[in-house]
Amino acid sequence: MSDNRQSQAFRKGALILATLVVGTMCATAPTHAQIGFPGEEESSATNKELDLSLEATIARGKTVYDNTCAFCHRADGMGVPEAFPPLVTGAKFDAEPNIIDPLQKLGLHHDGKITLGAVDTQIDVVLHGIPGTRMFAFDSQISAQQVADVVTYIRNAWSNNSGDLVTREQVETIANKKK
């Protein structure tokens, strides 16, 4: 078997394994009987005491990212080639945009370079996923504040440096549009 075929077989096997692991994680995640976001009661009580500065939000968002997103998108935000797109502005992604992003929510250019999409679009992707792709919905797994934190982190991590501070209220507005 040539090196190229071995490499393709390895990538295909790794992709299948990653898909199975992520699918199992999502399928076995605890469900929440309440309406709204999980953990919302706790975060509502502490939201008055929560430091909502950009720096604190980014720090909380990094924790959410490390625990929720890094498995697929990697700690450096560079994703997994041909499987999970990078989240770093300007990063190259060698996959057809219509396969990875059929609803064109990620901001993929025709040349495969990533750009930050609109804040509302990124919130929607984290909340509801992208149907027909490996991007799962996280609205039943993390709170509105955690969504705000992780989107703020992504928009300011690595070379993104947008300066955007996403709020819980923005997340709740987007979440309520889908109901």
Protein backbone atom coordinates (compact mmCIF):
# COMPACT_ATOMS: atom_id res chain seq x y z
CA MET A 1 0.00 0.00 0.00
CA SER A 2 1.45 3.38 -0.93
CA ASP A 3 2.09 6.08 1.67
CA ASN A 4 -0.73 8.17 0.19
CA ARG A 5 -3.26 5.32 0.48
CA GLN A 6 -2.08 4.52 4.01
CA SER A 7 -2.45 8.18 4.93
CA GLN A 8 -5.95 8.31 3.43
CA ALA A 9 -6.94 5.09 5.20
CA PHE A 10 -5.59 6.42 8.50
CA ARG A 11 -7.45 9.74 8.12
CA LYS A 12 -10.66 7.92 7.22
CA GLY A 13 -10.31 5.64 10.25
CA ALA A 14 -9.53 8.57 12.54
CA LEU A 15 -12.53 10.47 11.20
CA ILE A 16 -14.84 7.52 11.77
CA LEU A 17 -13.49 7.05 15.29
CA ALA A 18 -13.84 10.78 16.09
CA THR A 19 -17.41 10.79 14.76
CA LEU A 20 -18.31 7.75 16.86
CA VAL A 21 -16.75 9.22 20.01
CA VAL A 22 -18.44 12.61 19.59
CA GLY A 23 -21.75 10.96 18.72
CA THR A 24 -21.52 8.77 21.82
CA MET A 25 -20.66 11.77 23.98
CA CYS A 26 -23.69 13.68 22.71
CA ALA A 27 -26.01 10.69 22.92
CA THR A 28 -25.02 9.93 26.50
CA ALA A 29 -24.95 13.52 27.73
CA PRO A 30 -27.42 14.15 30.54
CA THR A 31 -30.75 15.50 29.43
CA HIS A 32 -32.45 18.33 31.20
CA ALA A 33 -36.15 18.26 31.98
CA GLN A 34 -36.33 21.99 32.48
CA ILE A 35 -37.24 24.46 29.79
CA GLY A 36 -34.41 26.76 28.86
CA PHE A 37 -30.73 26.21 29.35
CA PRO A 38 -29.17 23.71 31.76
CA GLY A 39 -27.85 25.22 34.94
CA GLU A 40 -29.79 28.41 34.32
CA GLU A 41 -31.08 28.59 37.89
CA GLU A 42 -27.57 28.52 39.32
CA SER A 43 -26.22 31.06 36.85
CA SER A 44 -29.19 33.39 37.39
CA ALA A 45 -28.47 33.52 41.10
CA THR A 46 -24.79 34.21 40.58
CA ASN A 47 -25.10 36.39 37.47
CA LYS A 48 -25.26 39.53 39.62
CA GLU A 49 -21.88 38.57 41.09
CA LEU A 50 -20.44 37.32 37.78
CA ASP A 51 -17.59 39.40 36.38
CA LEU A 52 -18.84 40.33 32.91
CA SER A 53 -15.67 42.08 31.76
CA LEU A 54 -14.15 40.98 28.45
CA GLU A 55 -11.14 39.43 30.21
CA ALA A 56 -13.26 37.40 32.66
CA THR A 57 -15.65 36.29 29.92
CA ILE A 58 -12.74 35.13 27.76
CA ALA A 59 -11.28 33.18 30.71
CA ARG A 60 -14.62 31.42 31.38
CA GLY A 61 -15.04 30.85 27.65
CA LYS A 62 -11.67 29.14 27.41
CA THR A 63 -12.79 26.67 30.07
CA VAL A 64 -16.02 25.96 28.16
CA TYR A 65 -14.06 25.64 24.91
CA ASP A 66 -11.51 23.26 26.44
CA ASN A 67 -14.30 21.05 27.83
CA THR A 68 -16.76 21.24 24.94
CA CYS A 69 -15.16 22.29 21.66
CA ALA A 70 -11.47 21.39 21.73
CA PHE A 71 -12.07 17.69 21.07
CA CYS A 72 -13.10 18.50 17.50
CA HIS A 73 -11.64 21.95 16.86
CA ARG A 74 -8.43 21.31 18.88
CA ALA A 75 -7.00 23.49 21.62
CA ASP A 76 -5.26 25.69 19.06
CA GLY A 77 -8.52 26.24 17.15
CA MET A 78 -7.06 24.72 13.98
CA GLY A 79 -9.58 21.87 13.69
CA VAL A 80 -8.97 18.49 12.09
CA PRO A 81 -8.23 18.47 8.35
CA GLU A 82 -11.18 17.29 6.25
CA ALA A 83 -13.30 16.76 9.36
CA PHE A 84 -13.69 19.75 11.68
CA PRO A 85 -12.98 23.27 10.42
CA PRO A 86 -10.58 25.63 12.13
CA LEU A 87 -11.99 28.56 14.08
CA VAL A 88 -8.98 30.79 13.47
CA THR A 89 -9.42 33.66 11.04
CA GLY A 90 -7.36 33.16 7.91
CA ALA A 91 -6.74 29.45 8.53
CA LYS A 92 -6.91 27.28 5.42
CA PHE A 93 -9.40 24.43 5.28
CA ASP A 94 -9.13 21.96 2.43
CA ALA A 95 -12.72 20.78 2.13
CA GLU A 96 -15.61 21.79 -0.03
CA PRO A 97 -17.51 24.57 1.77
CA ASN A 98 -20.88 23.12 0.67
CA ILE A 99 -20.04 19.81 2.39
CA ILE A 100 -18.69 21.24 5.66
CA ASP A 101 -21.10 24.16 5.78
CA PRO A 102 -24.19 23.51 3.63
CA LEU A 103 -26.09 26.40 5.24
CA GLN A 104 -23.05 28.71 4.85
CA LYS A 105 -22.95 29.68 8.52
CA LEU A 106 -19.22 29.35 9.11
CA GLY A 107 -17.98 32.09 6.82
CA LEU A 108 -15.94 29.82 4.55
CA HIS A 109 -14.64 31.62 1.46
CA HIS A 110 -14.45 29.82 -1.88
CA ASP A 111 -10.67 29.58 -1.44
CA GLY A 112 -11.18 27.66 1.81
CA LYS A 113 -10.04 30.41 4.17
CA ILE A 114 -11.97 30.93 7.37
CA THR A 115 -13.40 34.28 8.41
CA LEU A 116 -15.32 35.16 11.53
CA GLY A 117 -19.00 35.19 10.72
CA ALA A 118 -21.48 37.50 12.39
CA VAL A 119 -21.78 37.16 16.18
CA ASP A 120 -25.44 36.12 15.88
CA THR A 121 -24.50 33.41 13.38
CA GLN A 122 -21.82 31.98 15.66
CA ILE A 123 -24.25 31.96 18.58
CA ASP A 124 -26.80 30.15 16.41
CA VAL A 125 -24.21 27.55 15.34
CA VAL A 126 -23.22 26.81 18.96
CA LEU A 127 -26.85 26.65 20.06
CA HIS A 128 -28.37 24.71 17.17
CA GLY A 129 -25.46 23.11 15.35
CA ILE A 130 -25.42 22.79 11.57
CA PRO A 131 -27.81 20.12 10.26
CA GLY A 132 -26.17 17.64 7.92
CA THR A 133 -22.71 18.17 9.45
CA ARG A 134 -20.78 16.97 12.48
CA MET A 135 -21.49 20.23 14.33
CA PHE A 136 -23.87 19.28 17.11
CA ALA A 137 -26.29 21.57 18.92
CA PHE A 138 -25.19 22.49 22.43
CA ASP A 139 -28.31 24.34 23.59
CA SER A 140 -29.28 21.50 25.92
CA GLN A 141 -25.75 20.94 27.22
CA ILE A 142 -24.40 24.36 28.20
CA SER A 143 -26.07 27.44 29.67
CA ALA A 144 -26.79 30.71 27.87
CA GLN A 145 -23.96 32.34 29.82
CA GLN A 146 -21.59 29.54 28.80
CA VAL A 147 -22.57 30.02 25.14
CA ALA A 148 -21.86 33.76 25.50
CA ASP A 149 -18.54 32.96 27.17
CA VAL A 150 -17.38 30.44 24.56
CA VAL A 151 -18.38 32.58 21.58
CA THR A 152 -16.58 35.54 23.18
CA TYR A 153 -13.51 33.32 23.66
CA ILE A 154 -13.55 32.04 20.06
CA ARG A 155 -13.93 35.57 18.67
CA ASN A 156 -10.94 36.77 20.71
CA ALA A 157 -8.64 33.72 20.85
CA TRP A 158 -5.65 32.93 18.68
CA SER A 159 -5.43 35.59 15.95
CA ASN A 160 -9.14 36.46 15.95
CA ASN A 161 -8.85 39.47 18.31
CA SER A 162 -12.30 40.89 17.46
CA GLY A 163 -12.81 42.63 20.79
CA ASP A 164 -16.41 41.32 20.79
CA LEU A 165 -18.07 40.72 24.15
CA VAL A 166 -21.10 38.45 23.73
CA THR A 167 -23.80 38.67 26.40
CA ARG A 168 -26.19 36.14 27.84
CA GLU A 169 -29.05 38.33 26.62
CA GLN A 170 -27.80 38.08 23.02
CA VAL A 171 -27.74 34.30 23.34
CA GLU A 172 -31.24 34.17 24.83
CA THR A 173 -32.58 36.39 22.01
CA ILE A 174 -31.18 34.02 19.36
CA ALA A 175 -32.39 30.95 21.26
CA ASN A 176 -35.91 32.37 21.51
CA LYS A 177 -36.08 33.05 17.75
CA LYS A 178 -35.95 29.29 17.10
CA LYS A 179 -38.80 28.43 19.48
